[in-house]
C-alpha cells in the first residue's frame, strides 16, 4: 500500500491532506480493504463546524457501517463522495499535531493485516 508523503492519517483511519488552510479528508485504502465497497455515505453539511475526534458522517460499507471521524477542527466548505469526502477550512497552526505521518500509520496497520 503506497500513499503520498503529504497525507496524514488519524488513528480512526481517515486520511487528511493539508493544503495551507484547507484539509481534504478521505478514507484510507486499508479501511476500504477491511470493510469492502462503500454502499452509502452520509456527510456533513457545508458550513458545519466540526471538531477533531467527533463523528461527522456515516459510511456504510458492504461489510459494516462506521462513523467518519473528523481528523481536525474546521468548517466544512465542500463535500464529495468520489475519492475524497470532505474539505475543511482549518486554522493551519497545529492542525496536524495529532495526525500520523505515513510511517506512523503503516506500522500498526501492518500488524493488523498479518
PDB file of N, CA and C in Angstrom:
ATOM      1  N   UNK A   1       0.837  -1.166   0.000  1.00  0.00           N
ATOM      2  CA  UNK A   1       0.000   0.000   0.000  1.00  0.00           C
ATOM      3  C   UNK A   1       0.890   1.239   0.000  1.00  0.00           C
ATOM      4  N   UNK A   2       0.717   2.109  -0.966  1.00  0.00           N
ATOM      5  CA  UNK A   2       1.527   3.316  -1.002  1.00  0.00           C
ATOM      6  C   UNK A   2       0.620   4.537  -0.960  1.00  0.00           C
ATOM      7  N   UNK A   3       1.091   5.577  -0.281  1.00  0.00           N
ATOM      8  CA  UNK A   3       0.371   6.837  -0.197  1.00  0.00           C
ATOM      9  C   UNK A   3       1.373   7.964  -0.360  1.00  0.00           C
ATOM     10  N   UNK A   4       0.937   9.070  -0.915  1.00  0.00           N
ATOM     11  CA  UNK A   4       1.840  10.215  -0.992  1.00  0.00           C
ATOM     12  C   UNK A   4       2.270  10.656   0.402  1.00  0.00           C
ATOM     13  N   UNK A   5       3.494  11.094   0.538  1.00  0.00           N
ATOM     14  CA  UNK A   5       4.030  11.506   1.840  1.00  0.00           C
ATOM     15  C   UNK A   5       3.267  12.682   2.434  1.00  0.00           C
ATOM     16  N   UNK A   6       2.555  13.475   1.609  1.00  0.00           N
ATOM     17  CA  UNK A   6       1.817  14.639   2.104  1.00  0.00           C
ATOM     18  C   UNK A   6       0.592  14.243   2.921  1.00  0.00           C
ATOM     19  N   UNK A   7       0.133  12.990   2.803  1.00  0.00           N
ATOM     20  CA  UNK A   7      -1.049  12.568   3.537  1.00  0.00           C
ATOM     21  C   UNK A   7      -0.707  12.311   4.989  1.00  0.00           C
ATOM     22  N   UNK A   8      -1.623  12.661   5.845  1.00  0.00           N
ATOM     23  CA  UNK A   8      -1.539  12.345   7.266  1.00  0.00           C
ATOM     24  C   UNK A   8      -2.761  11.490   7.583  1.00  0.00           C
ATOM     25  N   UNK A   9      -2.662  10.685   8.618  1.00  0.00           N
ATOM     26  CA  UNK A   9      -3.771   9.803   8.978  1.00  0.00           C
ATOM     27  C   UNK A   9      -4.062   9.956  10.453  1.00  0.00           C
ATOM     28  N   UNK A  10      -5.311   9.723  10.798  1.00  0.00           N
ATOM     29  CA  UNK A  10      -5.663   9.665  12.211  1.00  0.00           C
ATOM     30  C   UNK A  10      -5.769   8.197  12.580  1.00  0.00           C
ATOM     31  N   UNK A  11      -5.802   7.924  13.864  1.00  0.00           N
ATOM     32  CA  UNK A  11      -5.888   6.538  14.301  1.00  0.00           C
ATOM     33  C   UNK A  11      -7.233   5.921  13.940  1.00  0.00           C
ATOM     34  N   UNK A  12      -8.221   6.741  13.587  1.00  0.00           N
ATOM     35  CA  UNK A  12      -9.546   6.244  13.211  1.00  0.00           C
ATOM     36  C   UNK A  12      -9.655   5.917  11.727  1.00  0.00           C
ATOM     37  N   UNK A  13      -8.574   6.002  10.983  1.00  0.00           N
ATOM     38  CA  UNK A  13      -8.435   5.593   9.600  1.00  0.00           C
ATOM     39  C   UNK A  13      -8.817   6.597   8.519  1.00  0.00           C
ATOM     40  N   UNK A  14      -9.320   7.808   8.801  1.00  0.00           N
ATOM     41  CA  UNK A  14      -9.418   8.740   7.679  1.00  0.00           C
ATOM     42  C   UNK A  14      -8.040   9.320   7.393  1.00  0.00           C
ATOM     43  N   UNK A  15      -7.801   9.681   6.136  1.00  0.00           N
ATOM     44  CA  UNK A  15      -6.582  10.396   5.804  1.00  0.00           C
ATOM     45  C   UNK A  15      -6.928  11.862   5.642  1.00  0.00           C
ATOM     46  N   UNK A  16      -5.926  12.690   5.757  1.00  0.00           N
ATOM     47  CA  UNK A  16      -6.119  14.121   5.566  1.00  0.00           C
ATOM     48  C   UNK A  16      -4.881  14.682   4.867  1.00  0.00           C
ATOM     49  N   UNK A  17      -5.129  15.554   3.917  1.00  0.00           N
ATOM     50  CA  UNK A  17      -4.045  16.268   3.246  1.00  0.00           C
ATOM     51  C   UNK A  17      -4.255  17.746   3.519  1.00  0.00           C
ATOM     52  N   UNK A  18      -3.271  18.361   4.154  1.00  0.00           N
ATOM     53  CA  UNK A  18      -3.361  19.774   4.489  1.00  0.00           C
ATOM     54  C   UNK A  18      -2.722  20.599   3.388  1.00  0.00           C
ATOM     55  N   UNK A  19      -3.509  21.471   2.782  1.00  0.00           N
ATOM     56  CA  UNK A  19      -3.041  22.413   1.768  1.00  0.00           C
ATOM     57  C   UNK A  19      -3.338  23.809   2.281  1.00  0.00           C
ATOM     58  N   UNK A  20      -2.323  24.425   2.901  1.00  0.00           N
ATOM     59  CA  UNK A  20      -2.481  25.735   3.533  1.00  0.00           C
ATOM     60  C   UNK A  20      -3.592  25.673   4.567  1.00  0.00           C
ATOM     61  N   UNK A  21      -4.697  26.359   4.353  1.00  0.00           N
ATOM     62  CA  UNK A  21      -5.768  26.406   5.337  1.00  0.00           C
ATOM     63  C   UNK A  21      -6.936  25.476   4.993  1.00  0.00           C
ATOM     64  N   UNK A  22      -6.698  24.509   4.122  1.00  0.00           N
ATOM     65  CA  UNK A  22      -7.743  23.561   3.746  1.00  0.00           C
ATOM     66  C   UNK A  22      -7.271  22.140   4.039  1.00  0.00           C
ATOM     67  N   UNK A  23      -8.122  21.379   4.711  1.00  0.00           N
ATOM     68  CA  UNK A  23      -7.851  19.962   4.970  1.00  0.00           C
ATOM     69  C   UNK A  23      -8.805  19.141   4.108  1.00  0.00           C
ATOM     70  N   UNK A  24      -8.236  18.267   3.296  1.00  0.00           N
ATOM     71  CA  UNK A  24      -9.030  17.381   2.450  1.00  0.00           C
ATOM     72  C   UNK A  24      -9.038  16.020   3.139  1.00  0.00           C
ATOM     73  N   UNK A  25     -10.229  15.466   3.396  1.00  0.00           N
ATOM     74  CA  UNK A  25     -10.380  14.244   4.187  1.00  0.00           C
ATOM     75  C   UNK A  25     -10.945  13.122   3.325  1.00  0.00           C
ATOM     76  N   UNK A  26     -10.402  11.931   3.497  1.00  0.00           N
ATOM     77  CA  UNK A  26     -10.908  10.741   2.811  1.00  0.00           C
ATOM     78  C   UNK A  26     -10.681   9.522   3.676  1.00  0.00           C
ATOM     79  N   UNK A  27     -11.055   8.345   3.189  1.00  0.00           N
ATOM     80  CA  UNK A  27     -10.809   7.122   3.943  1.00  0.00           C
ATOM     81  C   UNK A  27      -9.657   6.358   3.317  1.00  0.00           C
ATOM     82  N   UNK A  28      -8.908   5.684   4.136  1.00  0.00           N
ATOM     83  CA  UNK A  28      -7.702   5.018   3.673  1.00  0.00           C
ATOM     84  C   UNK A  28      -8.013   3.758   2.871  1.00  0.00           C
ATOM     85  N   UNK A  29      -7.055   3.378   2.073  1.00  0.00           N
ATOM     86  CA  UNK A  29      -7.150   2.143   1.293  1.00  0.00           C
ATOM     87  C   UNK A  29      -7.292   0.944   2.230  1.00  0.00           C
ATOM     88  N   UNK A  30      -6.586   0.980   3.361  1.00  0.00           N
ATOM     89  CA  UNK A  30      -6.678  -0.111   4.336  1.00  0.00           C
ATOM     90  C   UNK A  30      -8.104  -0.274   4.840  1.00  0.00           C
ATOM     91  N   UNK A  31      -8.768   0.842   5.187  1.00  0.00           N
ATOM     92  CA  UNK A  31     -10.155   0.773   5.667  1.00  0.00           C
ATOM     93  C   UNK A  31     -11.066   0.206   4.586  1.00  0.00           C
ATOM     94  N   UNK A  32     -10.871   0.631   3.355  1.00  0.00           N
ATOM     95  CA  UNK A  32     -11.701   0.119   2.260  1.00  0.00           C
ATOM     96  C   UNK A  32     -11.486  -1.377   2.066  1.00  0.00           C
ATOM     97  N   UNK A  33     -10.230  -1.827   2.162  1.00  0.00           N
ATOM     98  CA  UNK A  33      -9.946  -3.255   2.015  1.00  0.00           C
ATOM     99  C   UNK A  33     -10.552  -4.066   3.148  1.00  0.00           C
ATOM    100  N   UNK A  34     -10.545  -3.535   4.363  1.00  0.00           N
ATOM    101  CA  UNK A  34     -11.074  -4.244   5.525  1.00  0.00           C
ATOM    102  C   UNK A  34     -12.602  -4.318   5.527  1.00  0.00           C
ATOM    103  N   UNK A  35     -13.251  -3.279   5.021  1.00  0.00           N
ATOM    104  CA  UNK A  35     -14.712  -3.188   5.135  1.00  0.00           C
ATOM    105  C   UNK A  35     -15.467  -3.450   3.836  1.00  0.00           C
ATOM    106  N   UNK A  36     -14.785  -3.452   2.707  1.00  0.00           N
ATOM    107  CA  UNK A  36     -15.455  -3.684   1.429  1.00  0.00           C
ATOM    108  C   UNK A  36     -15.893  -2.388   0.767  1.00  0.00           C
ATOM    109  N   UNK A  37     -16.667  -2.522  -0.287  1.00  0.00           N
ATOM    110  CA  UNK A  37     -17.122  -1.365  -1.067  1.00  0.00           C
ATOM    111  C   UNK A  37     -18.002  -0.432  -0.245  1.00  0.00           C
ATOM    112  N   UNK A  38     -17.910   0.859  -0.547  1.00  0.00           N
ATOM    113  CA  UNK A  38     -18.775   1.853   0.085  1.00  0.00           C
ATOM    114  C   UNK A  38     -20.140   1.790  -0.592  1.00  0.00           C
ATOM    115  N   UNK A  39     -21.170   1.580   0.209  1.00  0.00           N
ATOM    116  CA  UNK A  39     -22.527   1.464  -0.308  1.00  0.00           C
ATOM    117  C   UNK A  39     -23.328   2.768  -0.123  1.00  0.00           C
ATOM    118  N   UNK A  40     -23.029   3.524   0.950  1.00  0.00           N
ATOM    119  CA  UNK A  40     -23.799   4.720   1.277  1.00  0.00           C
ATOM    120  C   UNK A  40     -22.929   5.653   2.093  1.00  0.00           C
ATOM    121  N   UNK A  41     -23.076   6.952   1.859  1.00  0.00           N
ATOM    122  CA  UNK A  41     -22.367   7.977   2.622  1.00  0.00           C
ATOM    123  C   UNK A  41     -23.348   8.992   3.176  1.00  0.00           C
ATOM    124  N   UNK A  42     -23.198   9.336   4.425  1.00  0.00           N
ATOM    125  CA  UNK A  42     -23.890  10.486   4.998  1.00  0.00           C
ATOM    126  C   UNK A  42     -22.779  11.437   5.429  1.00  0.00           C
ATOM    127  N   UNK A  43     -22.692  12.581   4.768  1.00  0.00           N
ATOM    128  CA  UNK A  43     -21.605  13.529   5.014  1.00  0.00           C
ATOM    129  C   UNK A  43     -22.156  14.792   5.671  1.00  0.00           C
ATOM    130  N   UNK A  44     -21.294  15.569   6.336  1.00  0.00           N
ATOM    131  CA  UNK A  44     -21.759  16.795   6.992  1.00  0.00           C
ATOM    132  C   UNK A  44     -22.210  17.827   5.965  1.00  0.00           C
ATOM    133  N   UNK A  45     -22.893  18.841   6.452  1.00  0.00           N
ATOM    134  CA  UNK A  45     -23.385  19.897   5.567  1.00  0.00           C
ATOM    135  C   UNK A  45     -22.360  21.021   5.466  1.00  0.00           C
ATOM    136  N   UNK A  46     -22.375  21.698   4.342  1.00  0.00           N
ATOM    137  CA  UNK A  46     -21.483  22.839   4.134  1.00  0.00           C
ATOM    138  C   UNK A  46     -21.795  23.910   5.178  1.00  0.00           C
ATOM    139  N   UNK A  47     -20.751  24.444   5.783  1.00  0.00           N
ATOM    140  CA  UNK A  47     -20.899  25.448   6.830  1.00  0.00           C
ATOM    141  C   UNK A  47     -20.868  24.874   8.238  1.00  0.00           C
ATOM    142  N   UNK A  48     -20.989  23.562   8.350  1.00  0.00           N
ATOM    143  CA  UNK A  48     -20.971  22.921   9.665  1.00  0.00           C
ATOM    144  C   UNK A  48     -19.568  23.002  10.271  1.00  0.00           C
ATOM    145  N   UNK A  49     -19.499  23.320  11.558  1.00  0.00           N
ATOM    146  CA  UNK A  49     -18.234  23.340  12.287  1.00  0.00           C
ATOM    147  C   UNK A  49     -18.031  21.948  12.873  1.00  0.00           C
ATOM    148  N   UNK A  50     -16.857  21.366  12.620  1.00  0.00           N
ATOM    149  CA  UNK A  50     -16.556  20.024  13.135  1.00  0.00           C
ATOM    150  C   UNK A  50     -15.321  20.084  14.013  1.00  0.00           C
ATOM    151  N   UNK A  51     -15.306  19.234  15.036  1.00  0.00           N
ATOM    152  CA  UNK A  51     -14.172  19.173  15.960  1.00  0.00           C
ATOM    153  C   UNK A  51     -13.428  17.861  15.784  1.00  0.00           C
ATOM    154  N   UNK A  52     -12.126  17.892  15.896  1.00  0.00           N
ATOM    155  CA  UNK A  52     -11.312  16.682  15.789  1.00  0.00           C
ATOM    156  C   UNK A  52     -11.809  15.636  16.786  1.00  0.00           C
ATOM    157  N   UNK A  53     -11.993  14.428  16.299  1.00  0.00           N
ATOM    158  CA  UNK A  53     -12.442  13.326  17.141  1.00  0.00           C
ATOM    159  C   UNK A  53     -13.940  13.112  17.160  1.00  0.00           C
ATOM    160  N   UNK A  54     -14.695  14.069  16.634  1.00  0.00           N
ATOM    161  CA  UNK A  54     -16.159  13.931  16.610  1.00  0.00           C
ATOM    162  C   UNK A  54     -16.620  13.224  15.334  1.00  0.00           C
ATOM    163  N   UNK A  55     -17.693  12.428  15.436  1.00  0.00           N
ATOM    164  CA  UNK A  55     -18.253  11.832  14.224  1.00  0.00           C
ATOM    165  C   UNK A  55     -18.884  12.929  13.358  1.00  0.00           C
ATOM    166  N   UNK A  56     -18.562  12.910  12.058  1.00  0.00           N
ATOM    167  CA  UNK A  56     -19.102  13.930  11.154  1.00  0.00           C
ATOM    168  C   UNK A  56     -19.892  13.313  10.005  1.00  0.00           C
ATOM    169  N   UNK A  57     -20.002  12.000  10.010  1.00  0.00           N
ATOM    170  CA  UNK A  57     -20.745  11.334   8.957  1.00  0.00           C
ATOM    171  C   UNK A  57     -20.801   9.839   9.210  1.00  0.00           C
ATOM    172  N   UNK A  58     -21.479   9.158   8.305  1.00  0.00           N
ATOM    173  CA  UNK A  58     -21.612   7.706   8.384  1.00  0.00           C
ATOM    174  C   UNK A  58     -21.204   7.124   7.044  1.00  0.00           C
ATOM    175  N   UNK A  59     -20.426   6.051   7.105  1.00  0.00           N
ATOM    176  CA  UNK A  59     -20.027   5.330   5.898  1.00  0.00           C
ATOM    177  C   UNK A  59     -20.557   3.914   6.027  1.00  0.00           C
ATOM    178  N   UNK A  60     -21.431   3.541   5.119  1.00  0.00           N
ATOM    179  CA  UNK A  60     -21.923   2.170   5.103  1.00  0.00           C
ATOM    180  C   UNK A  60     -21.129   1.415   4.049  1.00  0.00           C
ATOM    181  N   UNK A  61     -20.316   0.486   4.532  1.00  0.00           N
ATOM    182  CA  UNK A  61     -19.538  -0.373   3.662  1.00  0.00           C
ATOM    183  C   UNK A  61     -20.354  -1.627   3.372  1.00  0.00           C
ATOM    184  N   UNK A  62     -19.876  -2.447   2.460  1.00  0.00           N
ATOM    185  CA  UNK A  62     -20.531  -3.711   2.153  1.00  0.00           C
ATOM    186  C   UNK A  62     -20.581  -4.598   3.391  1.00  0.00           C
ATOM    187  N   UNK A  63     -19.504  -4.596   4.199  1.00  0.00           N
ATOM    188  CA  UNK A  63     -19.401  -5.496   5.348  1.00  0.00           C
ATOM    189  C   UNK A  63     -19.784  -4.873   6.683  1.00  0.00           C
ATOM    190  N   UNK A  64     -19.848  -3.547   6.769  1.00  0.00           N
ATOM    191  CA  UNK A  64     -20.107  -2.908   8.056  1.00  0.00           C
ATOM    192  C   UNK A  64     -20.499  -1.450   7.862  1.00  0.00           C
ATOM    193  N   UNK A  65     -20.868  -0.830   8.972  1.00  0.00           N
ATOM    194  CA  UNK A  65     -21.167   0.607   8.983  1.00  0.00           C
ATOM    195  C   UNK A  65     -20.233   1.261   9.991  1.00  0.00           C
ATOM    196  N   UNK A  66     -19.721   2.432   9.651  1.00  0.00           N
ATOM    197  CA  UNK A  66     -18.750   3.094  10.504  1.00  0.00           C
ATOM    198  C   UNK A  66     -18.985   4.597  10.483  1.00  0.00           C
ATOM    199  N   UNK A  67     -18.627   5.249  11.588  1.00  0.00           N
ATOM    200  CA  UNK A  67     -18.662   6.707  11.621  1.00  0.00           C
ATOM    201  C   UNK A  67     -17.423   7.256  10.932  1.00  0.00           C
ATOM    202  N   UNK A  68     -17.573   8.369  10.232  1.00  0.00           N
ATOM    203  CA  UNK A  68     -16.443   9.137   9.728  1.00  0.00           C
ATOM    204  C   UNK A  68     -16.084  10.112  10.837  1.00  0.00           C
ATOM    205  N   UNK A  69     -14.864  10.008  11.340  1.00  0.00           N
ATOM    206  CA  UNK A  69     -14.399  10.834  12.455  1.00  0.00           C
ATOM    207  C   UNK A  69     -13.555  11.981  11.905  1.00  0.00           C
ATOM    208  N   UNK A  70     -13.854  13.180  12.361  1.00  0.00           N
ATOM    209  CA  UNK A  70     -13.087  14.357  11.917  1.00  0.00           C
ATOM    210  C   UNK A  70     -11.661  14.266  12.434  1.00  0.00           C
ATOM    211  N   UNK A  71     -10.674  14.337  11.538  1.00  0.00           N
ATOM    212  CA  UNK A  71      -9.284  14.282  11.987  1.00  0.00           C
ATOM    213  C   UNK A  71      -8.755  15.617  12.498  1.00  0.00           C
ATOM    214  N   UNK A  72      -9.428  16.714  12.149  1.00  0.00           N
ATOM    215  CA  UNK A  72      -9.001  18.052  12.569  1.00  0.00           C
ATOM    216  C   UNK A  72     -10.238  18.917  12.803  1.00  0.00           C
ATOM    217  N   UNK A  73     -10.036  20.036  13.483  1.00  0.00           N
ATOM    218  CA  UNK A  73     -11.091  21.027  13.694  1.00  0.00           C
ATOM    219  C   UNK A  73     -11.205  21.901  12.453  1.00  0.00           C
ATOM    220  N   UNK A  74     -12.431  22.186  12.023  1.00  0.00           N
ATOM    221  CA  UNK A  74     -12.589  23.076  10.883  1.00  0.00           C
ATOM    222  C   UNK A  74     -14.038  23.296  10.511  1.00  0.00           C
ATOM    223  N   UNK A  75     -14.241  24.033   9.437  1.00  0.00           N
ATOM    224  CA  UNK A  75     -15.568  24.320   8.903  1.00  0.00           C
ATOM    225  C   UNK A  75     -15.680  23.635   7.550  1.00  0.00           C
ATOM    226  N   UNK A  76     -16.766  22.898   7.340  1.00  0.00           N
ATOM    227  CA  UNK A  76     -16.983  22.177   6.088  1.00  0.00           C
ATOM    228  C   UNK A  76     -17.218  23.184   4.970  1.00  0.00           C
ATOM    229  N   UNK A  77     -16.386  23.116   3.926  1.00  0.00           N
ATOM    230  CA  UNK A  77     -16.546  24.022   2.787  1.00  0.00           C
ATOM    231  C   UNK A  77     -16.984  23.283   1.527  1.00  0.00           C
ATOM    232  N   UNK A  78     -16.832  21.958   1.504  1.00  0.00           N
ATOM    233  CA  UNK A  78     -17.234  21.179   0.332  1.00  0.00           C
ATOM    234  C   UNK A  78     -17.343  19.707   0.734  1.00  0.00           C
ATOM    235  N   UNK A  79     -18.296  18.995   0.119  1.00  0.00           N
ATOM    236  CA  UNK A  79     -18.417  17.550   0.325  1.00  0.00           C
ATOM    237  C   UNK A  79     -18.402  16.850  -1.020  1.00  0.00           C
ATOM    238  N   UNK A  80     -17.973  15.599  -1.002  1.00  0.00           N
ATOM    239  CA  UNK A  80     -17.806  14.828  -2.230  1.00  0.00           C
ATOM    240  C   UNK A  80     -17.796  13.352  -1.840  1.00  0.00           C
ATOM    241  N   UNK A  81     -18.329  12.488  -2.660  1.00  0.00           N
ATOM    242  CA  UNK A  81     -18.295  11.071  -2.347  1.00  0.00           C
ATOM    243  C   UNK A  81     -17.384  10.285  -3.249  1.00  0.00           C
ATOM    244  N   UNK A  82     -16.613  10.947  -4.064  1.00  0.00           N
ATOM    245  CA  UNK A  82     -15.816  10.252  -5.068  1.00  0.00           C
ATOM    246  C   UNK A  82     -14.336  10.564  -4.861  1.00  0.00           C
ATOM    247  N   UNK A  83     -13.616   9.679  -4.193  1.00  0.00           N
ATOM    248  CA  UNK A  83     -12.192   9.893  -3.920  1.00  0.00           C
ATOM    249  C   UNK A  83     -12.005  10.484  -2.542  1.00  0.00           C
ATOM    250  N   UNK A  84     -12.105  11.761  -2.392  1.00  0.00           N
ATOM    251  CA  UNK A  84     -12.065  12.406  -1.085  1.00  0.00           C
ATOM    252  C   UNK A  84     -13.501  12.635  -0.634  1.00  0.00           C
ATOM    253  N   UNK A  85     -13.696  12.932   0.652  1.00  0.00           N
ATOM    254  CA  UNK A  85     -15.053  13.059   1.184  1.00  0.00           C
ATOM    255  C   UNK A  85     -15.432  14.469   1.611  1.00  0.00           C
ATOM    256  N   UNK A  86     -14.525  15.167   2.295  1.00  0.00           N
ATOM    257  CA  UNK A  86     -14.849  16.468   2.877  1.00  0.00           C
ATOM    258  C   UNK A  86     -13.644  17.392   2.763  1.00  0.00           C
ATOM    259  N   UNK A  87     -13.898  18.664   2.463  1.00  0.00           N
ATOM    260  CA  UNK A  87     -12.877  19.714   2.556  1.00  0.00           C
ATOM    261  C   UNK A  87     -13.257  20.599   3.731  1.00  0.00           C
ATOM    262  N   UNK A  88     -12.275  20.854   4.587  1.00  0.00           N
ATOM    263  CA  UNK A  88     -12.487  21.683   5.770  1.00  0.00           C
ATOM    264  C   UNK A  88     -11.592  22.909   5.720  1.00  0.00           C
ATOM    265  N   UNK A  89     -12.139  24.055   6.045  1.00  0.00           N
ATOM    266  CA  UNK A  89     -11.339  25.261   6.254  1.00  0.00           C
ATOM    267  C   UNK A  89     -10.786  25.143   7.663  1.00  0.00           C
ATOM    268  N   UNK A  90      -9.457  25.167   7.796  1.00  0.00           N
ATOM    269  CA  UNK A  90      -8.836  24.957   9.103  1.00  0.00           C
ATOM    270  C   UNK A  90      -7.909  26.100   9.450  1.00  0.00           C
ATOM    271  N   UNK A  91      -7.608  26.199  10.741  1.00  0.00           N
ATOM    272  CA  UNK A  91      -6.572  27.099  11.214  1.00  0.00           C
ATOM    273  C   UNK A  91      -5.280  26.314  11.120  1.00  0.00           C
ATOM    274  N   UNK A  92      -4.370  26.704  10.257  1.00  0.00           N
ATOM    275  CA  UNK A  92      -3.152  25.947   9.988  1.00  0.00           C
ATOM    276  C   UNK A  92      -2.280  25.695  11.202  1.00  0.00           C
ATOM    277  N   UNK A  93      -2.345  26.528  12.209  1.00  0.00           N
ATOM    278  CA  UNK A  93      -1.480  26.383  13.379  1.00  0.00           C
ATOM    279  C   UNK A  93      -1.886  25.161  14.190  1.00  0.00           C
ATOM    280  N   UNK A  94      -1.047  24.136  14.175  1.00  0.00           N
ATOM    281  CA  UNK A  94      -1.293  22.951  14.985  1.00  0.00           C
ATOM    282  C   UNK A  94      -2.336  22.010  14.439  1.00  0.00           C
ATOM    283  N   UNK A  95      -2.819  22.248  13.230  1.00  0.00           N
ATOM    284  CA  UNK A  95      -3.887  21.410  12.688  1.00  0.00           C
ATOM    285  C   UNK A  95      -3.473  19.959  12.539  1.00  0.00           C
ATOM    286  N   UNK A  96      -2.197  19.707  12.327  1.00  0.00           N
ATOM    287  CA  UNK A  96      -1.769  18.334  12.099  1.00  0.00           C
ATOM    288  C   UNK A  96      -1.034  17.722  13.286  1.00  0.00           C
ATOM    289  N   UNK A  97      -1.064  18.349  14.450  1.00  0.00           N
ATOM    290  CA  UNK A  97      -0.263  17.866  15.570  1.00  0.00           C
ATOM    291  C   UNK A  97      -0.671  16.480  16.049  1.00  0.00           C
ATOM    292  N   UNK A  98      -1.920  16.093  15.930  1.00  0.00           N
ATOM    293  CA  UNK A  98      -2.387  14.789  16.396  1.00  0.00           C
ATOM    294  C   UNK A  98      -2.398  13.737  15.293  1.00  0.00           C
ATOM    295  N   UNK A  99      -1.962  14.104  14.094  1.00  0.00           N
ATOM    296  CA  UNK A  99      -2.040  13.187  12.959  1.00  0.00           C
ATOM    297  C   UNK A  99      -0.746  12.418  12.786  1.00  0.00           C
ATOM    298  N   UNK A 100      -0.866  11.230  12.230  1.00  0.00           N
ATOM    299  CA  UNK A 100       0.285  10.367  11.989  1.00  0.00           C
ATOM    300  C   UNK A 100       0.822  10.597  10.587  1.00  0.00           C
ATOM    301  N   UNK A 101       2.153  10.531  10.436  1.00  0.00           N
ATOM    302  CA  UNK A 101       2.700  10.518   9.094  1.00  0.00           C
ATOM    303  C   UNK A 101       2.543   9.104   8.542  1.00  0.00           C
ATOM    304  N   UNK A 102       2.925   8.877   7.309  1.00  0.00           N
ATOM    305  CA  UNK A 102       2.679   7.563   6.702  1.00  0.00           C
ATOM    306  C   UNK A 102       3.399   6.445   7.447  1.00  0.00           C
ATOM    307  N   UNK A 103       4.606   6.676   7.951  1.00  0.00           N
ATOM    308  CA  UNK A 103       5.324   5.628   8.687  1.00  0.00           C
ATOM    309  C   UNK A 103       4.618   5.316  10.006  1.00  0.00           C
ATOM    310  N   UNK A 104       4.138   6.342  10.687  1.00  0.00           N
ATOM    311  CA  UNK A 104       3.419   6.146  11.946  1.00  0.00           C
ATOM    312  C   UNK A 104       2.115   5.400  11.764  1.00  0.00           C
ATOM    313  N   UNK A 105       1.486   5.594  10.628  1.00  0.00           N
ATOM    314  CA  UNK A 105       0.236   4.886  10.329  1.00  0.00           C
ATOM    315  C   UNK A 105       0.505   3.457   9.867  1.00  0.00           C
ATOM    316  N   UNK A 106       1.526   3.273   9.037  1.00  0.00           N
ATOM    317  CA  UNK A 106       1.789   1.963   8.448  1.00  0.00           C
ATOM    318  C   UNK A 106       2.192   0.915   9.461  1.00  0.00           C
ATOM    319  N   UNK A 107       2.916   1.284  10.516  1.00  0.00           N
ATOM    320  CA  UNK A 107       3.397   0.292  11.483  1.00  0.00           C
ATOM    321  C   UNK A 107       2.240  -0.459  12.149  1.00  0.00           C
ATOM    322  N   UNK A 108       1.251   0.213  12.765  1.00  0.00           N
ATOM    323  CA  UNK A 108       0.157  -0.531  13.371  1.00  0.00           C
ATOM    324  C   UNK A 108      -0.714  -1.253  12.341  1.00  0.00           C
ATOM    325  N   UNK A 109      -0.893  -0.664  11.173  1.00  0.00           N
ATOM    326  CA  UNK A 109      -1.703  -1.280  10.129  1.00  0.00           C
ATOM    327  C   UNK A 109      -1.060  -2.583   9.660  1.00  0.00           C
ATOM    328  N   UNK A 110       0.250  -2.590   9.520  1.00  0.00           N
ATOM    329  CA  UNK A 110       0.950  -3.800   9.084  1.00  0.00           C
ATOM    330  C   UNK A 110       0.710  -4.918  10.095  1.00  0.00           C
ATOM    331  N   UNK A 111       0.682  -4.593  11.370  1.00  0.00           N
ATOM    332  CA  UNK A 111       0.430  -5.593  12.401  1.00  0.00           C
ATOM    333  C   UNK A 111      -0.991  -6.132  12.349  1.00  0.00           C
ATOM    334  N   UNK A 112      -1.953  -5.316  11.988  1.00  0.00           N
ATOM    335  CA  UNK A 112      -3.348  -5.754  11.891  1.00  0.00           C
ATOM    336  C   UNK A 112      -3.586  -6.608  10.669  1.00  0.00           C
ATOM    337  N   UNK A 113      -2.838  -6.360   9.605  1.00  0.00           N
ATOM    338  CA  UNK A 113      -3.048  -7.069   8.355  1.00  0.00           C
ATOM    339  C   UNK A 113      -2.469  -8.485   8.401  1.00  0.00           C
ATOM    340  N   UNK A 114      -1.593  -8.767   9.379  1.00  0.00           N
ATOM    341  CA  UNK A 114      -0.946 -10.091   9.447  1.00  0.00           C
ATOM    342  C   UNK A 114      -1.866 -11.147   9.995  1.00  0.00           C
TER     343      UNK A 114
END
